[in-house]
């Protein structure tokens, strides 16, 4: 389905960043491992929950987004 939408974008020639080439790339199963960065650079790994919390807080502090009350905790 994703590729179909990509071909439609290409076919209609709309000025879009989404075309059949980008759709095909998104459908490739790419997997990346942080193993080398962890071993060689001693890169710390932060749990996804903490990362998302920190990211939302940063967006709020920098006035990029404003969450409704009750959504941020």
PDB file of N, CA and C in Angstrom:
ATOM      1  N   UNK A   1       0.824  -1.183   0.000  1.00  0.00           N
ATOM      2  CA  UNK A   1       0.000   0.000   0.000  1.00  0.00           C
ATOM      3  C   UNK A   1       0.876   1.258   0.000  1.00  0.00           C
ATOM      4  N   UNK A   2       1.927   1.241   0.817  1.00  0.00           N
ATOM      5  CA  UNK A   2       2.822   2.396   0.894  1.00  0.00           C
ATOM      6  C   UNK A   2       3.451   2.685  -0.462  1.00  0.00           C
ATOM      7  N   UNK A   3       3.882   1.624  -1.134  1.00  0.00           N
ATOM      8  CA  UNK A   3       4.487   1.807  -2.458  1.00  0.00           C
ATOM      9  C   UNK A   3       3.476   2.370  -3.457  1.00  0.00           C
ATOM     10  N   UNK A   4       2.216   1.946  -3.335  1.00  0.00           N
ATOM     11  CA  UNK A   4       1.172   2.462  -4.233  1.00  0.00           C
ATOM     12  C   UNK A   4       1.021   3.964  -4.086  1.00  0.00           C
ATOM     13  N   UNK A   5       1.010   4.441  -2.851  1.00  0.00           N
ATOM     14  CA  UNK A   5       0.908   5.883  -2.625  1.00  0.00           C
ATOM     15  C   UNK A   5       2.140   6.602  -3.166  1.00  0.00           C
ATOM     16  N   UNK A   6       3.287   5.958  -3.033  1.00  0.00           N
ATOM     17  CA  UNK A   6       4.507   6.544  -3.585  1.00  0.00           C
ATOM     18  C   UNK A   6       4.433   6.697  -5.091  1.00  0.00           C
ATOM     19  N   UNK A   7       3.923   5.661  -5.779  1.00  0.00           N
ATOM     20  CA  UNK A   7       3.781   5.740  -7.233  1.00  0.00           C
ATOM     21  C   UNK A   7       2.767   6.807  -7.633  1.00  0.00           C
ATOM     22  N   UNK A   8       1.707   6.961  -6.840  1.00  0.00           N
ATOM     23  CA  UNK A   8       0.732   8.013  -7.138  1.00  0.00           C
ATOM     24  C   UNK A   8       1.375   9.387  -7.033  1.00  0.00           C
ATOM     25  N   UNK A   9       2.197   9.573  -6.019  1.00  0.00           N
ATOM     26  CA  UNK A   9       2.901  10.849  -5.874  1.00  0.00           C
ATOM     27  C   UNK A   9       3.801  11.129  -7.062  1.00  0.00           C
ATOM     28  N   UNK A  10       4.498  10.097  -7.538  1.00  0.00           N
ATOM     29  CA  UNK A  10       5.374  10.254  -8.698  1.00  0.00           C
ATOM     30  C   UNK A  10       4.552  10.488  -9.961  1.00  0.00           C
ATOM     31  N   UNK A  11       3.481   9.711 -10.127  1.00  0.00           N
ATOM     32  CA  UNK A  11       2.637   9.797 -11.316  1.00  0.00           C
ATOM     33  C   UNK A  11       2.025  11.185 -11.486  1.00  0.00           C
ATOM     34  N   UNK A  12       1.508  11.740 -10.413  1.00  0.00           N
ATOM     35  CA  UNK A  12       0.866  13.053 -10.493  1.00  0.00           C
ATOM     36  C   UNK A  12       1.862  14.199 -10.466  1.00  0.00           C
ATOM     37  N   UNK A  13       3.118  13.887 -10.225  1.00  0.00           N
ATOM     38  CA  UNK A  13       4.159  14.907 -10.282  1.00  0.00           C
ATOM     39  C   UNK A  13       4.016  15.997  -9.239  1.00  0.00           C
ATOM     40  N   UNK A  14       3.384  15.663  -8.132  1.00  0.00           N
ATOM     41  CA  UNK A  14       3.223  16.647  -7.069  1.00  0.00           C
ATOM     42  C   UNK A  14       4.581  16.942  -6.454  1.00  0.00           C
ATOM     43  N   UNK A  15       4.790  18.187  -6.086  1.00  0.00           N
ATOM     44  CA  UNK A  15       6.036  18.587  -5.447  1.00  0.00           C
ATOM     45  C   UNK A  15       6.015  18.081  -4.009  1.00  0.00           C
ATOM     46  N   UNK A  16       6.495  16.866  -3.842  1.00  0.00           N
ATOM     47  CA  UNK A  16       6.441  16.216  -2.544  1.00  0.00           C
ATOM     48  C   UNK A  16       7.729  15.451  -2.309  1.00  0.00           C
ATOM     49  N   UNK A  17       8.056  15.278  -1.060  1.00  0.00           N
ATOM     50  CA  UNK A  17       9.237  14.492  -0.717  1.00  0.00           C
ATOM     51  C   UNK A  17       8.911  13.003  -0.738  1.00  0.00           C
ATOM     52  N   UNK A  18       7.635  12.667  -0.938  1.00  0.00           N
ATOM     53  CA  UNK A  18       7.214  11.272  -0.920  1.00  0.00           C
ATOM     54  C   UNK A  18       6.918  10.817  -2.337  1.00  0.00           C
ATOM     55  N   UNK A  19       7.750   9.898  -2.833  1.00  0.00           N
ATOM     56  CA  UNK A  19       7.550   9.352  -4.171  1.00  0.00           C
ATOM     57  C   UNK A  19       7.815   7.856  -4.126  1.00  0.00           C
ATOM     58  N   UNK A  20       7.790   7.201  -5.289  1.00  0.00           N
ATOM     59  CA  UNK A  20       7.940   5.746  -5.291  1.00  0.00           C
ATOM     60  C   UNK A  20       9.317   5.298  -4.808  1.00  0.00           C
ATOM     61  N   UNK A  21      10.342   6.098  -5.017  1.00  0.00           N
ATOM     62  CA  UNK A  21      11.688   5.737  -4.555  1.00  0.00           C
ATOM     63  C   UNK A  21      11.733   5.765  -3.030  1.00  0.00           C
ATOM     64  N   UNK A  22      11.221   6.842  -2.433  1.00  0.00           N
ATOM     65  CA  UNK A  22      11.207   6.934  -0.974  1.00  0.00           C
ATOM     66  C   UNK A  22      10.340   5.845  -0.357  1.00  0.00           C
ATOM     67  N   UNK A  23       9.209   5.533  -0.992  1.00  0.00           N
ATOM     68  CA  UNK A  23       8.328   4.483  -0.489  1.00  0.00           C
ATOM     69  C   UNK A  23       9.040   3.135  -0.504  1.00  0.00           C
ATOM     70  N   UNK A  24       9.783   2.856  -1.568  1.00  0.00           N
ATOM     71  CA  UNK A  24      10.523   1.593  -1.653  1.00  0.00           C
ATOM     72  C   UNK A  24      11.578   1.502  -0.557  1.00  0.00           C
ATOM     73  N   UNK A  25      12.265   2.595  -0.293  1.00  0.00           N
ATOM     74  CA  UNK A  25      13.290   2.606   0.756  1.00  0.00           C
ATOM     75  C   UNK A  25      12.654   2.339   2.115  1.00  0.00           C
ATOM     76  N   UNK A  26      11.472   2.908   2.358  1.00  0.00           N
ATOM     77  CA  UNK A  26      10.793   2.689   3.632  1.00  0.00           C
ATOM     78  C   UNK A  26      10.365   1.238   3.818  1.00  0.00           C
ATOM     79  N   UNK A  27      10.182   0.510   2.718  1.00  0.00           N
ATOM     80  CA  UNK A  27       9.737  -0.880   2.798  1.00  0.00           C
ATOM     81  C   UNK A  27      10.880  -1.872   2.984  1.00  0.00           C
ATOM     82  N   UNK A  28      12.115  -1.411   2.849  1.00  0.00           N
ATOM     83  CA  UNK A  28      13.264  -2.295   3.052  1.00  0.00           C
ATOM     84  C   UNK A  28      13.442  -2.513   4.543  1.00  0.00           C
ATOM     85  N   UNK A  29      13.735  -3.717   4.914  1.00  0.00           N
ATOM     86  CA  UNK A  29      13.919  -4.024   6.338  1.00  0.00           C
ATOM     87  C   UNK A  29      15.344  -3.679   6.758  1.00  0.00           C
ATOM     88  N   UNK A  30      15.517  -2.452   7.218  1.00  0.00           N
ATOM     89  CA  UNK A  30      16.818  -1.993   7.701  1.00  0.00           C
ATOM     90  C   UNK A  30      16.847  -2.072   9.218  1.00  0.00           C
ATOM     91  N   UNK A  31      17.871  -2.683   9.737  1.00  0.00           N
ATOM     92  CA  UNK A  31      18.036  -2.775  11.177  1.00  0.00           C
ATOM     93  C   UNK A  31      19.423  -2.276  11.530  1.00  0.00           C
ATOM     94  N   UNK A  32      19.495  -1.511  12.585  1.00  0.00           N
ATOM     95  CA  UNK A  32      20.773  -0.953  13.009  1.00  0.00           C
ATOM     96  C   UNK A  32      21.036  -1.357  14.447  1.00  0.00           C
ATOM     97  N   UNK A  33      22.288  -1.612  14.740  1.00  0.00           N
ATOM     98  CA  UNK A  33      22.685  -2.007  16.084  1.00  0.00           C
ATOM     99  C   UNK A  33      23.598  -0.945  16.685  1.00  0.00           C
ATOM    100  N   UNK A  34      23.365  -0.601  17.959  1.00  0.00           N
ATOM    101  CA  UNK A  34      24.235   0.357  18.631  1.00  0.00           C
ATOM    102  C   UNK A  34      25.484  -0.300  19.226  1.00  0.00           C
ATOM    103  N   UNK A  35      25.676  -1.587  18.962  1.00  0.00           N
ATOM    104  CA  UNK A  35      26.742  -2.355  19.609  1.00  0.00           C
ATOM    105  C   UNK A  35      28.126  -1.714  19.453  1.00  0.00           C
ATOM    106  N   UNK A  36      28.479  -1.299  18.234  1.00  0.00           N
ATOM    107  CA  UNK A  36      29.805  -0.720  18.001  1.00  0.00           C
ATOM    108  C   UNK A  36      29.972   0.589  18.769  1.00  0.00           C
ATOM    109  N   UNK A  37      28.947   1.430  18.769  1.00  0.00           N
ATOM    110  CA  UNK A  37      29.017   2.704  19.496  1.00  0.00           C
ATOM    111  C   UNK A  37      29.122   2.470  20.996  1.00  0.00           C
ATOM    112  N   UNK A  38      28.427   1.461  21.483  1.00  0.00           N
ATOM    113  CA  UNK A  38      28.488   1.150  22.913  1.00  0.00           C
ATOM    114  C   UNK A  38      29.881   0.668  23.285  1.00  0.00           C
ATOM    115  N   UNK A  39      30.428  -0.239  22.488  1.00  0.00           N
ATOM    116  CA  UNK A  39      31.733  -0.826  22.806  1.00  0.00           C
ATOM    117  C   UNK A  39      32.890   0.139  22.584  1.00  0.00           C
ATOM    118  N   UNK A  40      32.904   0.827  21.449  1.00  0.00           N
ATOM    119  CA  UNK A  40      34.057   1.661  21.108  1.00  0.00           C
ATOM    120  C   UNK A  40      33.990   3.075  21.675  1.00  0.00           C
ATOM    121  N   UNK A  41      32.797   3.600  21.826  1.00  0.00           N
ATOM    122  CA  UNK A  41      32.658   4.979  22.292  1.00  0.00           C
ATOM    123  C   UNK A  41      32.102   5.072  23.711  1.00  0.00           C
ATOM    124  N   UNK A  42      31.794   3.914  24.285  1.00  0.00           N
ATOM    125  CA  UNK A  42      31.198   3.860  25.616  1.00  0.00           C
ATOM    126  C   UNK A  42      29.927   4.713  25.663  1.00  0.00           C
ATOM    127  N   UNK A  43      29.156   4.636  24.588  1.00  0.00           N
ATOM    128  CA  UNK A  43      27.934   5.416  24.453  1.00  0.00           C
ATOM    129  C   UNK A  43      26.871   4.882  25.408  1.00  0.00           C
ATOM    130  N   UNK A  44      26.354   5.731  26.278  1.00  0.00           N
ATOM    131  CA  UNK A  44      25.328   5.248  27.212  1.00  0.00           C
ATOM    132  C   UNK A  44      24.009   4.986  26.486  1.00  0.00           C
ATOM    133  N   UNK A  45      23.266   4.030  26.979  1.00  0.00           N
ATOM    134  CA  UNK A  45      21.961   3.711  26.417  1.00  0.00           C
ATOM    135  C   UNK A  45      20.886   4.131  27.406  1.00  0.00           C
ATOM    136  N   UNK A  46      19.964   4.949  26.944  1.00  0.00           N
ATOM    137  CA  UNK A  46      18.878   5.437  27.787  1.00  0.00           C
ATOM    138  C   UNK A  46      17.608   4.673  27.430  1.00  0.00           C
ATOM    139  N   UNK A  47      16.883   4.179  28.433  1.00  0.00           N
ATOM    140  CA  UNK A  47      15.624   3.477  28.146  1.00  0.00           C
ATOM    141  C   UNK A  47      14.667   4.377  27.360  1.00  0.00           C
ATOM    142  N   UNK A  48      13.876   3.776  26.481  1.00  0.00           N
ATOM    143  CA  UNK A  48      12.990   4.530  25.599  1.00  0.00           C
ATOM    144  C   UNK A  48      12.002   5.384  26.380  1.00  0.00           C
ATOM    145  N   UNK A  49      11.515   4.879  27.509  1.00  0.00           N
ATOM    146  CA  UNK A  49      10.557   5.645  28.310  1.00  0.00           C
ATOM    147  C   UNK A  49      11.176   6.960  28.778  1.00  0.00           C
ATOM    148  N   UNK A  50      12.415   6.895  29.272  1.00  0.00           N
ATOM    149  CA  UNK A  50      13.104   8.099  29.748  1.00  0.00           C
ATOM    150  C   UNK A  50      13.412   9.039  28.585  1.00  0.00           C
ATOM    151  N   UNK A  51      13.811   8.468  27.463  1.00  0.00           N
ATOM    152  CA  UNK A  51      14.117   9.269  26.279  1.00  0.00           C
ATOM    153  C   UNK A  51      12.888  10.055  25.825  1.00  0.00           C
ATOM    154  N   UNK A  52      11.739   9.388  25.759  1.00  0.00           N
ATOM    155  CA  UNK A  52      10.509  10.063  25.343  1.00  0.00           C
ATOM    156  C   UNK A  52      10.103  11.148  26.341  1.00  0.00           C
ATOM    157  N   UNK A  53      10.223  10.850  27.627  1.00  0.00           N
ATOM    158  CA  UNK A  53       9.893  11.840  28.660  1.00  0.00           C
ATOM    159  C   UNK A  53      10.793  13.066  28.522  1.00  0.00           C
ATOM    160  N   UNK A  54      12.098  12.840  28.386  1.00  0.00           N
ATOM    161  CA  UNK A  54      13.052  13.944  28.235  1.00  0.00           C
ATOM    162  C   UNK A  54      12.767  14.762  26.973  1.00  0.00           C
ATOM    163  N   UNK A  55      12.406  14.075  25.896  1.00  0.00           N
ATOM    164  CA  UNK A  55      12.132  14.751  24.627  1.00  0.00           C
ATOM    165  C   UNK A  55      10.908  15.653  24.738  1.00  0.00           C
ATOM    166  N   UNK A  56       9.835  15.120  25.318  1.00  0.00           N
ATOM    167  CA  UNK A  56       8.612  15.913  25.485  1.00  0.00           C
ATOM    168  C   UNK A  56       8.887  17.124  26.366  1.00  0.00           C
ATOM    169  N   UNK A  57       9.627  16.926  27.456  1.00  0.00           N
ATOM    170  CA  UNK A  57       9.970  18.049  28.339  1.00  0.00           C
ATOM    171  C   UNK A  57      10.777  19.106  27.589  1.00  0.00           C
ATOM    172  N   UNK A  58      11.719  18.675  26.757  1.00  0.00           N
ATOM    173  CA  UNK A  58      12.539  19.623  25.994  1.00  0.00           C
ATOM    174  C   UNK A  58      11.671  20.434  25.032  1.00  0.00           C
ATOM    175  N   UNK A  59      10.744  19.744  24.338  1.00  0.00           N
ATOM    176  CA  UNK A  59       9.849  20.447  23.416  1.00  0.00           C
ATOM    177  C   UNK A  59       8.985  21.464  24.156  1.00  0.00           C
ATOM    178  N   UNK A  60       8.505  21.093  25.346  1.00  0.00           N
ATOM    179  CA  UNK A  60       7.690  22.022  26.130  1.00  0.00           C
ATOM    180  C   UNK A  60       8.519  23.214  26.608  1.00  0.00           C
ATOM    181  N   UNK A  61       9.712  22.949  27.123  1.00  0.00           N
ATOM    182  CA  UNK A  61      10.573  24.015  27.648  1.00  0.00           C
ATOM    183  C   UNK A  61      11.007  24.989  26.554  1.00  0.00           C
ATOM    184  N   UNK A  62      11.116  24.508  25.343  1.00  0.00           N
ATOM    185  CA  UNK A  62      11.537  25.352  24.229  1.00  0.00           C
ATOM    186  C   UNK A  62      10.352  25.888  23.425  1.00  0.00           C
ATOM    187  N   UNK A  63       9.157  25.751  24.002  1.00  0.00           N
ATOM    188  CA  UNK A  63       7.923  26.298  23.428  1.00  0.00           C
ATOM    189  C   UNK A  63       7.665  25.807  22.001  1.00  0.00           C
ATOM    190  N   UNK A  64       8.002  24.557  21.759  1.00  0.00           N
ATOM    191  CA  UNK A  64       7.734  23.956  20.451  1.00  0.00           C
ATOM    192  C   UNK A  64       6.355  23.300  20.465  1.00  0.00           C
ATOM    193  N   UNK A  65       6.005  22.688  21.593  1.00  0.00           N
ATOM    194  CA  UNK A  65       4.670  22.116  21.779  1.00  0.00           C
ATOM    195  C   UNK A  65       4.171  22.503  23.160  1.00  0.00           C
ATOM    196  N   UNK A  66       2.860  22.498  23.296  1.00  0.00           N
ATOM    197  CA  UNK A  66       2.254  22.728  24.603  1.00  0.00           C
ATOM    198  C   UNK A  66       1.211  21.642  24.779  1.00  0.00           C
ATOM    199  N   UNK A  67       1.445  20.755  25.738  1.00  0.00           N
ATOM    200  CA  UNK A  67       0.518  19.659  25.968  1.00  0.00           C
ATOM    201  C   UNK A  67      -0.639  20.121  26.835  1.00  0.00           C
ATOM    202  N   UNK A  68      -1.781  19.499  26.610  1.00  0.00           N
ATOM    203  CA  UNK A  68      -2.941  19.786  27.445  1.00  0.00           C
ATOM    204  C   UNK A  68      -2.688  19.228  28.838  1.00  0.00           C
ATOM    205  N   UNK A  69      -3.285  19.836  29.835  1.00  0.00           N
ATOM    206  CA  UNK A  69      -3.118  19.375  31.212  1.00  0.00           C
ATOM    207  C   UNK A  69      -3.563  17.929  31.316  1.00  0.00           C
ATOM    208  N   UNK A  70      -2.822  17.152  32.083  1.00  0.00           N
ATOM    209  CA  UNK A  70      -3.156  15.749  32.280  1.00  0.00           C
ATOM    210  C   UNK A  70      -2.422  14.820  31.336  1.00  0.00           C
ATOM    211  N   UNK A  71      -1.846  15.335  30.264  1.00  0.00           N
ATOM    212  CA  UNK A  71      -1.116  14.492  29.320  1.00  0.00           C
ATOM    213  C   UNK A  71       0.358  14.400  29.668  1.00  0.00           C
ATOM    214  N   UNK A  72       0.876  15.387  30.359  1.00  0.00           N
ATOM    215  CA  UNK A  72       2.294  15.414  30.699  1.00  0.00           C
ATOM    216  C   UNK A  72       2.457  15.042  32.158  1.00  0.00           C
ATOM    217  N   UNK A  73       3.135  13.915  32.414  1.00  0.00           N
ATOM    218  CA  UNK A  73       3.371  13.538  33.811  1.00  0.00           C
ATOM    219  C   UNK A  73       4.642  12.762  33.943  1.00  0.00           C
TER     220      UNK A  73
END
